[in-house]
Amino acid sequence: MSDLGGMSQAELIAAIRKVEGERDESLRLSGRLLAALHDVHGLSWPQITRLTGISQTTAHRRAQPYLSADDPEGA
């Protein structure tokens, strides 16, 4: 995929859709993993940030859909 200029418009659009789909799935998995660190293992958001290198805001935003119902704030 090094010569993007040689790709047709349809090929470029298909490649974008494929990459975006993979990215979305990766972000969902990351969110589930982060939520598990918080909910199952009891790590705080600052601890998760230190251990993963993911900012606290990003980690919480990704994990939020997967956090347990008894921790709606994710604190």
Protein backbone atom coordinates (compact mmCIF):
# COMPACT_ATOMS: atom_id res chain seq x y z
CA MET A 1 0.00 0.00 0.00
CA SER A 2 3.01 2.27 -0.42
CA ASP A 3 1.86 3.73 -3.75
CA LEU A 4 -1.44 5.31 -2.78
CA GLY A 5 -1.47 7.35 -5.97
CA GLY A 6 -1.92 4.13 -7.92
CA MET A 7 -5.07 3.19 -6.05
CA SER A 8 -8.49 3.95 -7.44
CA GLN A 9 -10.96 6.05 -5.47
CA ALA A 10 -12.98 2.91 -4.70
CA GLU A 11 -9.86 1.11 -3.44
CA LEU A 12 -8.93 4.05 -1.22
CA ILE A 13 -12.44 4.22 0.25
CA ALA A 14 -12.49 0.45 0.86
CA ALA A 15 -9.09 0.64 2.56
CA ILE A 16 -10.23 3.52 4.79
CA ARG A 17 -13.36 1.62 5.83
CA LYS A 18 -11.30 -1.48 6.62
CA VAL A 19 -8.76 0.41 8.72
CA GLU A 20 -11.44 2.36 10.57
CA GLY A 21 -13.32 -0.85 11.36
CA GLU A 22 -10.15 -2.39 12.76
CA ARG A 23 -9.45 0.75 14.79
CA ASP A 24 -12.97 0.75 16.24
CA GLU A 25 -12.64 -2.91 17.27
CA SER A 26 -9.24 -2.20 18.82
CA LEU A 27 -10.67 0.71 20.84
CA ARG A 28 -13.57 -1.44 22.06
CA LEU A 29 -11.17 -4.15 23.22
CA SER A 30 -8.94 -1.56 24.88
CA GLY A 31 -11.99 -0.20 26.72
CA ARG A 32 -12.97 -3.65 27.97
CA LEU A 33 -9.42 -4.33 29.16
CA LEU A 34 -9.19 -0.98 30.94
CA ALA A 35 -12.57 -1.52 32.60
CA ALA A 36 -11.38 -4.92 33.84
CA LEU A 37 -8.28 -3.36 35.38
CA HIS A 38 -10.52 -0.93 37.21
CA ASP A 39 -13.55 -3.10 38.10
CA VAL A 40 -12.01 -6.54 38.55
CA HIS A 41 -8.56 -5.65 39.83
CA GLY A 42 -9.47 -2.46 41.68
CA LEU A 43 -6.87 -0.23 40.08
CA SER A 44 -7.49 3.52 40.26
CA TRP A 45 -7.42 5.63 37.11
CA PRO A 46 -4.10 7.22 38.11
CA GLN A 47 -2.64 3.72 38.61
CA ILE A 48 -3.94 2.60 35.23
CA THR A 49 -2.41 5.69 33.65
CA ARG A 50 0.99 5.00 35.22
CA LEU A 51 0.94 1.33 34.21
CA THR A 52 -0.36 1.70 30.64
CA GLY A 53 0.83 5.12 29.54
CA ILE A 54 -2.72 5.96 28.42
CA SER A 55 -3.93 9.30 29.74
CA GLN A 56 -6.48 9.11 32.54
CA THR A 57 -9.11 10.89 30.47
CA THR A 58 -8.63 8.58 27.49
CA ALA A 59 -8.58 5.45 29.65
CA HIS A 60 -11.79 6.40 31.44
CA ARG A 61 -13.55 7.43 28.22
CA ARG A 62 -12.67 4.11 26.54
CA ALA A 63 -13.65 2.05 29.60
CA GLN A 64 -16.85 3.90 30.46
CA PRO A 65 -19.26 1.75 28.38
CA TYR A 66 -17.89 -1.38 30.06
CA LEU A 67 -17.69 -0.26 33.71
CA SER A 68 -19.88 -2.01 36.27
CA ALA A 69 -23.26 -0.44 36.95
CA ASP A 70 -22.42 0.11 40.64
CA ASP A 71 -19.56 2.43 39.61
CA PRO A 72 -21.25 4.86 37.17
CA GLU A 73 -18.64 7.57 37.67
CA GLY A 74 -15.78 5.16 37.19
CA ALA A 75 -14.04 6.60 40.23
